[in-house]
Amino acid sequence: KKKNLISNLKKIKITLSEQSTLASITQIQNLRFEMSYRTIMLFSTATPIFSVLGWSMYVSKERAKKPESMDFQPNSTYDILDGKLKTGDLLFFKRNWALMQPPAALLVLAARKVFDTQYD
């Protein structure tokens, strides 16, 4: 009877250790999935944020540059409009939206779409 009892206890011990091993493996697999999910979520939220920040920094850098020359050019827009504009005249601008700060660019694109125009 003692031998039978001891062999049964060993079987139970082995079964318990196998179950704990399986539980550990399952926990490790769950942890790996959770970590990969967190990594994906981190990159999917960080990528647009860093893209907009990079765009904003580029625009700030470009707009801070000083013009190459401030010389008056004959037959330029300034020359043509000099003295011809009056109060109430409308000026239409078609600026490159990619060289605006992100909120202003979104506003310009939305206005162009809503009013079906190519001007700001």
PDB file of N, CA and C in Angstrom:
ATOM      1  N   LYS A   1       0.820  -1.192   0.000  1.00  0.00           N
ATOM      2  CA  LYS A   1       0.000   0.000   0.000  1.00  0.00           C
ATOM      3  C   LYS A   1       0.867   1.260   0.000  1.00  0.00           C
ATOM      4  N   LYS A   2       1.956   1.223   0.775  1.00  0.00           N
ATOM      5  CA  LYS A   2       2.832   2.400   0.824  1.00  0.00           C
ATOM      6  C   LYS A   2       3.421   2.689  -0.545  1.00  0.00           C
ATOM      7  N   LYS A   3       3.867   1.647  -1.245  1.00  0.00           N
ATOM      8  CA  LYS A   3       4.452   1.837  -2.563  1.00  0.00           C
ATOM      9  C   LYS A   3       3.425   2.418  -3.531  1.00  0.00           C
ATOM     10  N   ASN A   4       2.213   1.915  -3.473  1.00  0.00           N
ATOM     11  CA  ASN A   4       1.140   2.429  -4.317  1.00  0.00           C
ATOM     12  C   ASN A   4       0.857   3.900  -4.021  1.00  0.00           C
ATOM     13  N   LEU A   5       0.828   4.237  -2.749  1.00  0.00           N
ATOM     14  CA  LEU A   5       0.567   5.604  -2.328  1.00  0.00           C
ATOM     15  C   LEU A   5       1.685   6.534  -2.777  1.00  0.00           C
ATOM     16  N   ILE A   6       2.930   6.064  -2.621  1.00  0.00           N
ATOM     17  CA  ILE A   6       4.086   6.869  -3.032  1.00  0.00           C
ATOM     18  C   ILE A   6       4.083   7.053  -4.553  1.00  0.00           C
ATOM     19  N   SER A   7       3.812   6.037  -5.314  1.00  0.00           N
ATOM     20  CA  SER A   7       3.786   6.174  -6.775  1.00  0.00           C
ATOM     21  C   SER A   7       2.647   7.106  -7.213  1.00  0.00           C
ATOM     22  N   ASN A   8       1.495   7.031  -6.537  1.00  0.00           N
ATOM     23  CA  ASN A   8       0.386   7.942  -6.848  1.00  0.00           C
ATOM     24  C   ASN A   8       0.766   9.393  -6.540  1.00  0.00           C
ATOM     25  N   LEU A   9       1.476   9.604  -5.423  1.00  0.00           N
ATOM     26  CA  LEU A   9       1.916  10.953  -5.067  1.00  0.00           C
ATOM     27  C   LEU A   9       2.918  11.488  -6.081  1.00  0.00           C
ATOM     28  N   LYS A  10       3.792  10.639  -6.563  1.00  0.00           N
ATOM     29  CA  LYS A  10       4.760  11.060  -7.583  1.00  0.00           C
ATOM     30  C   LYS A  10       4.040  11.447  -8.870  1.00  0.00           C
ATOM     31  N   LYS A  11       3.030  10.655  -9.245  1.00  0.00           N
ATOM     32  CA  LYS A  11       2.264  10.984 -10.454  1.00  0.00           C
ATOM     33  C   LYS A  11       1.564  12.330 -10.304  1.00  0.00           C
ATOM     34  N   ILE A  12       0.985  12.545  -9.127  1.00  0.00           N
ATOM     35  CA  ILE A  12       0.304  13.814  -8.875  1.00  0.00           C
ATOM     36  C   ILE A  12       1.302  14.960  -8.914  1.00  0.00           C
ATOM     37  N   LYS A  13       2.478  14.758  -8.345  1.00  0.00           N
ATOM     38  CA  LYS A  13       3.517  15.790  -8.334  1.00  0.00           C
ATOM     39  C   LYS A  13       3.951  16.130  -9.757  1.00  0.00           C
ATOM     40  N   ILE A  14       4.139  15.064 -10.569  1.00  0.00           N
ATOM     41  CA  ILE A  14       4.537  15.286 -11.954  1.00  0.00           C
ATOM     42  C   ILE A  14       3.429  16.036 -12.701  1.00  0.00           C
ATOM     43  N   THR A  15       2.193  15.626 -12.486  1.00  0.00           N
ATOM     44  CA  THR A  15       1.080  16.289 -13.148  1.00  0.00           C
ATOM     45  C   THR A  15       1.003  17.755 -12.738  1.00  0.00           C
ATOM     46  N   LEU A  16       1.202  18.049 -11.465  1.00  0.00           N
ATOM     47  CA  LEU A  16       1.179  19.429 -10.997  1.00  0.00           C
ATOM     48  C   LEU A  16       2.321  20.244 -11.596  1.00  0.00           C
ATOM     49  N   SER A  17       3.506  19.652 -11.686  1.00  0.00           N
ATOM     50  CA  SER A  17       4.632  20.384 -12.259  1.00  0.00           C
ATOM     51  C   SER A  17       4.411  20.633 -13.749  1.00  0.00           C
ATOM     52  N   GLU A  18       3.809  19.670 -14.461  1.00  0.00           N
ATOM     53  CA  GLU A  18       3.491  19.860 -15.870  1.00  0.00           C
ATOM     54  C   GLU A  18       2.470  20.980 -16.048  1.00  0.00           C
ATOM     55  N   GLN A  19       1.490  21.022 -15.164  1.00  0.00           N
ATOM     56  CA  GLN A  19       0.469  22.069 -15.244  1.00  0.00           C
ATOM     57  C   GLN A  19       1.082  23.443 -14.974  1.00  0.00           C
ATOM     58  N   SER A  20       1.973  23.524 -14.014  1.00  0.00           N
ATOM     59  CA  SER A  20       2.602  24.809 -13.722  1.00  0.00           C
ATOM     60  C   SER A  20       3.494  25.238 -14.879  1.00  0.00           C
ATOM     61  N   THR A  21       4.154  24.272 -15.540  1.00  0.00           N
ATOM     62  CA  THR A  21       4.970  24.577 -16.701  1.00  0.00           C
ATOM     63  C   THR A  21       4.092  25.089 -17.842  1.00  0.00           C
ATOM     64  N   LEU A  22       2.972  24.423 -18.080  1.00  0.00           N
ATOM     65  CA  LEU A  22       2.049  24.869 -19.120  1.00  0.00           C
ATOM     66  C   LEU A  22       1.492  26.255 -18.795  1.00  0.00           C
ATOM     67  N   ALA A  23       1.204  26.492 -17.528  1.00  0.00           N
ATOM     68  CA  ALA A  23       0.707  27.805 -17.121  1.00  0.00           C
ATOM     69  C   ALA A  23       1.780  28.862 -17.355  1.00  0.00           C
ATOM     70  N   SER A  24       3.038  28.540 -17.066  1.00  0.00           N
ATOM     71  CA  SER A  24       4.135  29.487 -17.286  1.00  0.00           C
ATOM     72  C   SER A  24       4.292  29.789 -18.761  1.00  0.00           C
ATOM     73  N   ILE A  25       4.213  28.761 -19.600  1.00  0.00           N
ATOM     74  CA  ILE A  25       4.329  28.948 -21.043  1.00  0.00           C
ATOM     75  C   ILE A  25       3.185  29.832 -21.550  1.00  0.00           C
ATOM     76  N   THR A  26       1.988  29.584 -21.074  1.00  0.00           N
ATOM     77  CA  THR A  26       0.835  30.389 -21.471  1.00  0.00           C
ATOM     78  C   THR A  26       1.014  31.839 -21.035  1.00  0.00           C
ATOM     79  N   GLN A  27       1.513  32.042 -19.820  1.00  0.00           N
ATOM     80  CA  GLN A  27       1.749  33.404 -19.345  1.00  0.00           C
ATOM     81  C   GLN A  27       2.793  34.107 -20.195  1.00  0.00           C
ATOM     82  N   ILE A  28       3.850  33.395 -20.568  1.00  0.00           N
ATOM     83  CA  ILE A  28       4.897  33.986 -21.409  1.00  0.00           C
ATOM     84  C   ILE A  28       4.321  34.357 -22.779  1.00  0.00           C
ATOM     85  N   GLN A  29       3.507  33.470 -23.351  1.00  0.00           N
ATOM     86  CA  GLN A  29       2.901  33.766 -24.649  1.00  0.00           C
ATOM     87  C   GLN A  29       1.966  34.966 -24.556  1.00  0.00           C
ATOM     88  N   ASN A  30       1.191  35.039 -23.476  1.00  0.00           N
ATOM     89  CA  ASN A  30       0.307  36.188 -23.278  1.00  0.00           C
ATOM     90  C   ASN A  30       1.110  37.468 -23.111  1.00  0.00           C
ATOM     91  N   LEU A  31       2.223  37.394 -22.404  1.00  0.00           N
ATOM     92  CA  LEU A  31       3.071  38.562 -22.198  1.00  0.00           C
ATOM     93  C   LEU A  31       3.677  39.019 -23.522  1.00  0.00           C
ATOM     94  N   ARG A  32       4.126  38.070 -24.338  1.00  0.00           N
ATOM     95  CA  ARG A  32       4.672  38.421 -25.655  1.00  0.00           C
ATOM     96  C   ARG A  32       3.628  39.111 -26.511  1.00  0.00           C
ATOM     97  N   PHE A  33       2.400  38.565 -26.524  1.00  0.00           N
ATOM     98  CA  PHE A  33       1.328  39.180 -27.300  1.00  0.00           C
ATOM     99  C   PHE A  33       1.032  40.581 -26.786  1.00  0.00           C
ATOM    100  N   GLU A  34       0.963  40.731 -25.468  1.00  0.00           N
ATOM    101  CA  GLU A  34       0.668  42.037 -24.885  1.00  0.00           C
ATOM    102  C   GLU A  34       1.768  43.045 -25.208  1.00  0.00           C
ATOM    103  N   MET A  35       3.024  42.602 -25.160  1.00  0.00           N
ATOM    104  CA  MET A  35       4.132  43.503 -25.473  1.00  0.00           C
ATOM    105  C   MET A  35       4.110  43.896 -26.940  1.00  0.00           C
ATOM    106  N   SER A  36       3.831  42.947 -27.834  1.00  0.00           N
ATOM    107  CA  SER A  36       3.780  43.281 -29.256  1.00  0.00           C
ATOM    108  C   SER A  36       2.592  44.209 -29.533  1.00  0.00           C
ATOM    109  N   TYR A  37       1.481  43.993 -28.852  1.00  0.00           N
ATOM    110  CA  TYR A  37       0.323  44.874 -29.005  1.00  0.00           C
ATOM    111  C   TYR A  37       0.673  46.279 -28.541  1.00  0.00           C
ATOM    112  N   ARG A  38       1.353  46.396 -27.413  1.00  0.00           N
ATOM    113  CA  ARG A  38       1.758  47.705 -26.901  1.00  0.00           C
ATOM    114  C   ARG A  38       2.725  48.389 -27.859  1.00  0.00           C
ATOM    115  N   THR A  39       3.646  47.628 -28.427  1.00  0.00           N
ATOM    116  CA  THR A  39       4.615  48.187 -29.367  1.00  0.00           C
ATOM    117  C   THR A  39       3.902  48.727 -30.605  1.00  0.00           C
ATOM    118  N   ILE A  40       2.968  47.956 -31.119  1.00  0.00           N
ATOM    119  CA  ILE A  40       2.213  48.388 -32.301  1.00  0.00           C
ATOM    120  C   ILE A  40       1.417  49.654 -31.978  1.00  0.00           C
ATOM    121  N   MET A  41       0.784  49.677 -30.834  1.00  0.00           N
ATOM    122  CA  MET A  41       0.006  50.857 -30.440  1.00  0.00           C
ATOM    123  C   MET A  41       0.909  52.076 -30.268  1.00  0.00           C
ATOM    124  N   LEU A  42       2.082  51.865 -29.686  1.00  0.00           N
ATOM    125  CA  LEU A  42       3.021  52.969 -29.490  1.00  0.00           C
ATOM    126  C   LEU A  42       3.449  53.560 -30.830  1.00  0.00           C
ATOM    127  N   PHE A  43       3.852  52.688 -31.767  1.00  0.00           N
ATOM    128  CA  PHE A  43       4.303  53.178 -33.071  1.00  0.00           C
ATOM    129  C   PHE A  43       3.164  53.786 -33.880  1.00  0.00           C
ATOM    130  N   SER A  44       1.972  53.218 -33.761  1.00  0.00           N
ATOM    131  CA  SER A  44       0.861  53.751 -34.547  1.00  0.00           C
ATOM    132  C   SER A  44       0.403  55.114 -34.034  1.00  0.00           C
ATOM    133  N   THR A  45       0.639  55.403 -32.771  1.00  0.00           N
ATOM    134  CA  THR A  45       0.293  56.739 -32.275  1.00  0.00           C
ATOM    135  C   THR A  45       1.469  57.700 -32.370  1.00  0.00           C
ATOM    136  N   ALA A  46       2.681  57.197 -32.244  1.00  0.00           N
ATOM    137  CA  ALA A  46       3.853  58.075 -32.265  1.00  0.00           C
ATOM    138  C   ALA A  46       4.195  58.541 -33.675  1.00  0.00           C
ATOM    139  N   THR A  47       3.983  57.708 -34.660  1.00  0.00           N
ATOM    140  CA  THR A  47       4.368  58.046 -36.034  1.00  0.00           C
ATOM    141  C   THR A  47       3.672  59.312 -36.544  1.00  0.00           C
ATOM    142  N   PRO A  48       2.352  59.436 -36.448  1.00  0.00           N
ATOM    143  CA  PRO A  48       1.734  60.681 -36.931  1.00  0.00           C
ATOM    144  C   PRO A  48       2.163  61.906 -36.124  1.00  0.00           C
ATOM    145  N   ILE A  49       2.339  61.722 -34.827  1.00  0.00           N
ATOM    146  CA  ILE A  49       2.746  62.852 -33.983  1.00  0.00           C
ATOM    147  C   ILE A  49       4.114  63.358 -34.405  1.00  0.00           C
ATOM    148  N   PHE A  50       5.064  62.443 -34.572  1.00  0.00           N
ATOM    149  CA  PHE A  50       6.407  62.858 -34.975  1.00  0.00           C
ATOM    150  C   PHE A  50       6.426  63.395 -36.401  1.00  0.00           C
ATOM    151  N   SER A  51       5.565  62.890 -37.261  1.00  0.00           N
ATOM    152  CA  SER A  51       5.490  63.407 -38.631  1.00  0.00           C
ATOM    153  C   SER A  51       5.026  64.861 -38.634  1.00  0.00           C
ATOM    154  N   VAL A  52       3.984  65.160 -37.873  1.00  0.00           N
ATOM    155  CA  VAL A  52       3.478  66.532 -37.805  1.00  0.00           C
ATOM    156  C   VAL A  52       4.503  67.448 -37.140  1.00  0.00           C
ATOM    157  N   LEU A  53       5.169  66.957 -36.104  1.00  0.00           N
ATOM    158  CA  LEU A  53       6.214  67.761 -35.458  1.00  0.00           C
ATOM    159  C   LEU A  53       7.360  68.050 -36.421  1.00  0.00           C
ATOM    160  N   GLY A  54       7.764  67.047 -37.201  1.00  0.00           N
ATOM    161  CA  GLY A  54       8.823  67.249 -38.189  1.00  0.00           C
ATOM    162  C   GLY A  54       8.412  68.251 -39.247  1.00  0.00           C
ATOM    163  N   TRP A  55       7.172  68.159 -39.712  1.00  0.00           N
ATOM    164  CA  TRP A  55       6.641  69.103 -40.690  1.00  0.00           C
ATOM    165  C   TRP A  55       6.663  70.519 -40.116  1.00  0.00           C
ATOM    166  N   SER A  56       6.204  70.659 -38.887  1.00  0.00           N
ATOM    167  CA  SER A  56       6.167  71.973 -38.248  1.00  0.00           C
ATOM    168  C   SER A  56       7.568  72.561 -38.085  1.00  0.00           C
ATOM    169  N   MET A  57       8.518  71.728 -37.704  1.00  0.00           N
ATOM    170  CA  MET A  57       9.901  72.205 -37.550  1.00  0.00           C
ATOM    171  C   MET A  57      10.477  72.620 -38.895  1.00  0.00           C
ATOM    172  N   TYR A  58      10.204  71.850 -39.944  1.00  0.00           N
ATOM    173  CA  TYR A  58      10.699  72.186 -41.284  1.00  0.00           C
ATOM    174  C   TYR A  58      10.132  73.531 -41.745  1.00  0.00           C
ATOM    175  N   VAL A  59       8.835  73.728 -41.559  1.00  0.00           N
ATOM    176  CA  VAL A  59       8.199  74.986 -41.969  1.00  0.00           C
ATOM    177  C   VAL A  59       8.796  76.152 -41.191  1.00  0.00           C
ATOM    178  N   SER A  60       8.983  75.974 -39.893  1.00  0.00           N
ATOM    179  CA  SER A  60       9.571  77.048 -39.077  1.00  0.00           C
ATOM    180  C   SER A  60      10.970  77.404 -39.568  1.00  0.00           C
ATOM    181  N   LYS A  61      11.740  76.375 -39.896  1.00  0.00           N
ATOM    182  CA  LYS A  61      13.106  76.597 -40.389  1.00  0.00           C
ATOM    183  C   LYS A  61      13.094  77.326 -41.734  1.00  0.00           C
ATOM    184  N   GLU A  62      12.225  76.908 -42.640  1.00  0.00           N
ATOM    185  CA  GLU A  62      12.145  77.538 -43.960  1.00  0.00           C
ATOM    186  C   GLU A  62      11.684  78.987 -43.865  1.00  0.00           C
ATOM    187  N   ARG A  63      10.729  79.250 -42.996  1.00  0.00           N
ATOM    188  CA  ARG A  63      10.198  80.607 -42.883  1.00  0.00           C
ATOM    189  C   ARG A  63      11.156  81.547 -42.166  1.00  0.00           C
ATOM    190  N   ALA A  64      12.077  80.975 -41.398  1.00  0.00           N
ATOM    191  CA  ALA A  64      13.054  81.803 -40.676  1.00  0.00           C
ATOM    192  C   ALA A  64      14.219  82.226 -41.569  1.00  0.00           C
ATOM    193  N   LYS A  65      14.359  81.570 -42.712  1.00  0.00           N
ATOM    194  CA  LYS A  65      15.453  81.934 -43.622  1.00  0.00           C
ATOM    195  C   LYS A  65      15.251  83.348 -44.155  1.00  0.00           C
ATOM    196  N   LYS A  66      16.344  84.047 -44.253  1.00  0.00           N
ATOM    197  CA  LYS A  66      16.283  85.402 -44.822  1.00  0.00           C
ATOM    198  C   LYS A  66      16.273  85.298 -46.344  1.00  0.00           C
ATOM    199  N   PRO A  67      15.556  86.203 -47.015  1.00  0.00           N
ATOM    200  CA  PRO A  67      15.539  86.182 -48.479  1.00  0.00           C
ATOM    201  C   PRO A  67      16.945  86.414 -49.035  1.00  0.00           C
ATOM    202  N   GLU A  68      17.204  85.857 -50.197  1.00  0.00           N
ATOM    203  CA  GLU A  68      18.528  86.006 -50.804  1.00  0.00           C
ATOM    204  C   GLU A  68      18.819  87.456 -51.159  1.00  0.00           C
ATOM    205  N   SER A  69      17.822  88.139 -51.679  1.00  0.00           N
ATOM    206  CA  SER A  69      18.028  89.552 -52.003  1.00  0.00           C
ATOM    207  C   SER A  69      16.713  90.295 -51.823  1.00  0.00           C
ATOM    208  N   MET A  70      16.826  91.546 -51.474  1.00  0.00           N
ATOM    209  CA  MET A  70      15.649  92.389 -51.309  1.00  0.00           C
ATOM    210  C   MET A  70      15.608  93.456 -52.406  1.00  0.00           C
ATOM    211  N   ASP A  71      16.317  93.200 -53.488  1.00  0.00           N
ATOM    212  CA  ASP A  71      16.379  94.165 -54.585  1.00  0.00           C
ATOM    213  C   ASP A  71      15.030  94.252 -55.292  1.00  0.00           C
ATOM    214  N   PHE A  72      14.719  95.449 -55.748  1.00  0.00           N
ATOM    215  CA  PHE A  72      13.488  95.681 -56.497  1.00  0.00           C
ATOM    216  C   PHE A  72      13.661  95.138 -57.908  1.00  0.00           C
ATOM    217  N   GLN A  73      12.706  94.325 -58.347  1.00  0.00           N
ATOM    218  CA  GLN A  73      12.765  93.757 -59.687  1.00  0.00           C
ATOM    219  C   GLN A  73      11.760  94.480 -60.594  1.00  0.00           C
ATOM    220  N   PRO A  74      12.222  95.036 -61.712  1.00  0.00           N
ATOM    221  CA  PRO A  74      11.285  95.668 -62.652  1.00  0.00           C
ATOM    222  C   PRO A  74      10.299  94.636 -63.200  1.00  0.00           C
ATOM    223  N   ASN A  75       9.085  95.081 -63.451  1.00  0.00           N
ATOM    224  CA  ASN A  75       8.003  94.238 -63.973  1.00  0.00           C
ATOM    225  C   ASN A  75       7.610  93.107 -63.021  1.00  0.00           C
ATOM    226  N   SER A  76       7.928  93.249 -61.774  1.00  0.00           N
ATOM    227  CA  SER A  76       7.510  92.255 -60.788  1.00  0.00           C
ATOM    228  C   SER A  76       6.092  92.589 -60.321  1.00  0.00           C
ATOM    229  N   THR A  77       5.520  91.738 -59.506  1.00  0.00           N
ATOM    230  CA  THR A  77       4.177  91.988 -58.972  1.00  0.00           C
ATOM    231  C   THR A  77       4.138  93.290 -58.207  1.00  0.00           C
ATOM    232  N   TYR A  78       5.199  93.559 -57.441  1.00  0.00           N
ATOM    233  CA  TYR A  78       5.255  94.810 -56.680  1.00  0.00           C
ATOM    234  C   TYR A  78       5.248  96.029 -57.625  1.00  0.00           C
ATOM    235  N   ASP A  79       5.981  95.926 -58.699  1.00  0.00           N
ATOM    236  CA  ASP A  79       6.050  97.023 -59.669  1.00  0.00           C
ATOM    237  C   ASP A  79       4.691  97.245 -60.332  1.00  0.00           C
ATOM    238  N   ILE A  80       4.019  96.177 -60.696  1.00  0.00           N
ATOM    239  CA  ILE A  80       2.732  96.277 -61.385  1.00  0.00           C
ATOM    240  C   ILE A  80       1.652  96.840 -60.465  1.00  0.00           C
ATOM    241  N   LEU A  81       1.640  96.392 -59.202  1.00  0.00           N
ATOM    242  CA  LEU A  81       0.589  96.820 -58.271  1.00  0.00           C
ATOM    243  C   LEU A  81       0.886  98.136 -57.560  1.00  0.00           C
ATOM    244  N   ASP A  82       2.076  98.652 -57.701  1.00  0.00           N
ATOM    245  CA  ASP A  82       2.468  99.862 -56.986  1.00  0.00           C
ATOM    246  C   ASP A  82       1.564 101.030 -57.364  1.00  0.00           C
ATOM    247  N   GLY A  83       0.834 101.517 -56.384  1.00  0.00           N
ATOM    248  CA  GLY A  83      -0.029 102.669 -56.600  1.00  0.00           C
ATOM    249  C   GLY A  83      -1.354 102.353 -57.254  1.00  0.00           C
ATOM    250  N   LYS A  84      -1.619 101.122 -57.615  1.00  0.00           N
ATOM    251  CA  LYS A  84      -2.859 100.774 -58.294  1.00  0.00           C
ATOM    252  C   LYS A  84      -3.914 100.200 -57.351  1.00  0.00           C
ATOM    253  N   LEU A  85      -3.494  99.713 -56.197  1.00  0.00           N
ATOM    254  CA  LEU A  85      -4.459  99.139 -55.265  1.00  0.00           C
ATOM    255  C   LEU A  85      -5.202 100.236 -54.524  1.00  0.00           C
ATOM    256  N   LYS A  86      -6.505 100.000 -54.353  1.00  0.00           N
ATOM    257  CA  LYS A  86      -7.337 100.956 -53.640  1.00  0.00           C
ATOM    258  C   LYS A  86      -8.059 100.221 -52.516  1.00  0.00           C
ATOM    259  N   THR A  87      -8.620 100.970 -51.609  1.00  0.00           N
ATOM    260  CA  THR A  87      -9.388 100.374 -50.531  1.00  0.00           C
ATOM    261  C   THR A  87     -10.550  99.579 -51.108  1.00  0.00           C
ATOM    262  N   GLY A  88     -10.718  98.375 -50.620  1.00  0.00           N
ATOM    263  CA  GLY A  88     -11.805  97.526 -51.091  1.00  0.00           C
ATOM    264  C   GLY A  88     -11.393  96.555 -52.173  1.00  0.00           C
ATOM    265  N   ASP A  89     -10.195  96.700 -52.723  1.00  0.00           N
ATOM    266  CA  ASP A  89      -9.717  95.740 -53.723  1.00  0.00           C
ATOM    267  C   ASP A  89      -9.506  94.383 -53.070  1.00  0.00           C
ATOM    268  N   LEU A  90      -9.804  93.334 -53.790  1.00  0.00           N
ATOM    269  CA  LEU A  90      -9.620  91.977 -53.292  1.00  0.00           C
ATOM    270  C   LEU A  90      -8.354  91.379 -53.888  1.00  0.00           C
ATOM    271  N   LEU A  91      -7.581  90.767 -53.044  1.00  0.00           N
ATOM    272  CA  LEU A  91      -6.386  90.051 -53.494  1.00  0.00           C
ATOM    273  C   LEU A  91      -6.590  88.568 -53.221  1.00  0.00           C
ATOM    274  N   PHE A  92      -6.295  87.762 -54.206  1.00  0.00           N
ATOM    275  CA  PHE A  92      -6.402  86.323 -54.053  1.00  0.00           C
ATOM    276  C   PHE A  92      -4.993  85.730 -54.016  1.00  0.00           C
ATOM    277  N   PHE A  93      -4.784  84.834 -53.072  1.00  0.00           N
ATOM    278  CA  PHE A  93      -3.478  84.199 -52.923  1.00  0.00           C
ATOM    279  C   PHE A  93      -3.599  82.715 -53.208  1.00  0.00           C
ATOM    280  N   LYS A  94      -2.593  82.196 -53.858  1.00  0.00           N
ATOM    281  CA  LYS A  94      -2.493  80.754 -54.047  1.00  0.00           C
ATOM    282  C   LYS A  94      -1.128  80.349 -53.503  1.00  0.00           C
ATOM    283  N   ARG A  95      -1.133  80.051 -52.212  1.00  0.00           N
ATOM    284  CA  ARG A  95       0.130  79.717 -51.540  1.00  0.00           C
ATOM    285  C   ARG A  95       0.289  78.206 -51.429  1.00  0.00           C
ATOM    286  N   ASN A  96       1.537  77.794 -51.286  1.00  0.00           N
ATOM    287  CA  ASN A  96       1.842  76.382 -51.107  1.00  0.00           C
ATOM    288  C   ASN A  96       1.464  75.983 -49.682  1.00  0.00           C
ATOM    289  N   TRP A  97       0.439  75.153 -49.527  1.00  0.00           N
ATOM    290  CA  TRP A  97      -0.032  74.783 -48.192  1.00  0.00           C
ATOM    291  C   TRP A  97       0.997  73.952 -47.432  1.00  0.00           C
ATOM    292  N   ALA A  98       1.901  73.282 -48.138  1.00  0.00           N
ATOM    293  CA  ALA A  98       2.907  72.450 -47.463  1.00  0.00           C
ATOM    294  C   ALA A  98       3.941  73.302 -46.731  1.00  0.00           C
ATOM    295  N   LEU A  99       4.014  74.595 -47.071  1.00  0.00           N
ATOM    296  CA  LEU A  99       4.939  75.487 -46.369  1.00  0.00           C
ATOM    297  C   LEU A  99       4.226  76.325 -45.310  1.00  0.00           C
ATOM    298  N   MET A 100       3.070  75.848 -44.867  1.00  0.00           N
ATOM    299  CA  MET A 100       2.339  76.483 -43.765  1.00  0.00           C
ATOM    300  C   MET A 100       2.394  75.547 -42.558  1.00  0.00           C
ATOM    301  N   GLN A 101       2.144  76.111 -41.399  1.00  0.00           N
ATOM    302  CA  GLN A 101       2.051  75.268 -40.204  1.00  0.00           C
ATOM    303  C   GLN A 101       0.853  74.331 -40.364  1.00  0.00           C
ATOM    304  N   PRO A 102       0.901  73.138 -39.776  1.00  0.00           N
ATOM    305  CA  PRO A 102      -0.162  72.143 -39.990  1.00  0.00           C
ATOM    306  C   PRO A 102      -1.591  72.646 -39.785  1.00  0.00           C
ATOM    307  N   PRO A 103      -1.919  73.382 -38.704  1.00  0.00           N
ATOM    308  CA  PRO A 103      -3.317  73.834 -38.575  1.00  0.00           C
ATOM    309  C   PRO A 103      -3.734  74.788 -39.709  1.00  0.00           C
ATOM    310  N   ALA A 104      -2.841  75.677 -40.098  1.00  0.00           N
ATOM    311  CA  ALA A 104      -3.158  76.609 -41.190  1.00  0.00           C
ATOM    312  C   ALA A 104      -3.309  75.856 -42.509  1.00  0.00           C
ATOM    313  N   ALA A 105      -2.472  74.861 -42.730  1.00  0.00           N
ATOM    314  CA  ALA A 105      -2.559  74.074 -43.964  1.00  0.00           C
ATOM    315  C   ALA A 105      -3.890  73.333 -44.030  1.00  0.00           C
ATOM    316  N   LEU A 106      -4.321  72.763 -42.908  1.00  0.00           N
ATOM    317  CA  LEU A 106      -5.610  72.072 -42.892  1.00  0.00           C
ATOM    318  C   LEU A 106      -6.758  73.044 -43.168  1.00  0.00           C
ATOM    319  N   LEU A 107      -6.665  74.233 -42.618  1.00  0.00           N
ATOM    320  CA  LEU A 107      -7.696  75.242 -42.844  1.00  0.00           C
ATOM    321  C   LEU A 107      -7.746  75.652 -44.317  1.00  0.00           C
ATOM    322  N   VAL A 108      -6.596  75.854 -44.927  1.00  0.00           N
ATOM    323  CA  VAL A 108      -6.543  76.234 -46.344  1.00  0.00           C
ATOM    324  C   VAL A 108      -7.100  75.118 -47.222  1.00  0.00           C
ATOM    325  N   LEU A 109      -6.701  73.885 -46.954  1.00  0.00           N
ATOM    326  CA  LEU A 109      -7.202  72.768 -47.754  1.00  0.00           C
ATOM    327  C   LEU A 109      -8.707  72.604 -47.603  1.00  0.00           C
ATOM    328  N   ALA A 110      -9.202  72.773 -46.380  1.00  0.00           N
ATOM    329  CA  ALA A 110     -10.647  72.663 -46.155  1.00  0.00           C
ATOM    330  C   ALA A 110     -11.388  73.777 -46.887  1.00  0.00           C
ATOM    331  N   ALA A 111     -10.871  75.005 -46.825  1.00  0.00           N
ATOM    332  CA  ALA A 111     -11.519  76.135 -47.502  1.00  0.00           C
ATOM    333  C   ALA A 111     -11.524  75.930 -49.018  1.00  0.00           C
ATOM    334  N   ARG A 112     -10.422  75.426 -49.544  1.00  0.00           N
ATOM    335  CA  ARG A 112     -10.366  75.179 -50.995  1.00  0.00           C
ATOM    336  C   ARG A 112     -11.394  74.127 -51.398  1.00  0.00           C
ATOM    337  N   LYS A 113     -11.540  73.101 -50.576  1.00  0.00           N
ATOM    338  CA  LYS A 113     -12.481  72.028 -50.884  1.00  0.00           C
ATOM    339  C   LYS A 113     -13.921  72.517 -50.773  1.00  0.00           C
ATOM    340  N   VAL A 114     -14.229  73.224 -49.692  1.00  0.00           N
ATOM    341  CA  VAL A 114     -15.598  73.670 -49.458  1.00  0.00           C
ATOM    342  C   VAL A 114     -16.036  74.681 -50.507  1.00  0.00           C
ATOM    343  N   PHE A 115     -15.176  75.639 -50.829  1.00  0.00           N
ATOM    344  CA  PHE A 115     -15.547  76.701 -51.768  1.00  0.00           C
ATOM    345  C   PHE A 115     -15.161  76.388 -53.206  1.00  0.00           C
ATOM    346  N   ASP A 116     -14.600  75.211 -53.430  1.00  0.00           N
ATOM    347  CA  ASP A 116     -14.240  74.747 -54.780  1.00  0.00           C
ATOM    348  C   ASP A 116     -13.426  75.812 -55.523  1.00  0.00           C
ATOM    349  N   THR A 117     -12.315  76.195 -54.931  1.00  0.00           N
ATOM    350  CA  THR A 117     -11.450  77.215 -55.524  1.00  0.00           C
ATOM    351  C   THR A 117      -9.993  76.796 -55.383  1.00  0.00           C
ATOM    352  N   GLN A 118      -9.136  77.431 -56.123  1.00  0.00           N
ATOM    353  CA  GLN A 118      -7.714  77.132 -56.026  1.00  0.00           C
ATOM    354  C   GLN A 118      -6.989  78.150 -55.160  1.00  0.00           C
ATOM    355  N   TYR A 119      -7.721  79.161 -54.691  1.00  0.00           N
ATOM    356  CA  TYR A 119      -7.115  80.221 -53.895  1.00  0.00           C
ATOM    357  C   TYR A 119      -7.356  80.001 -52.407  1.00  0.00           C
ATOM    358  N   ASP A 120      -6.530  80.637 -51.601  1.00  0.00           N
ATOM    359  CA  ASP A 120      -6.669  80.520 -50.135  1.00  0.00           C
ATOM    360  C   ASP A 120      -7.938  81.186 -49.652  1.00  0.00           C
TER     361      ASP A 120
END
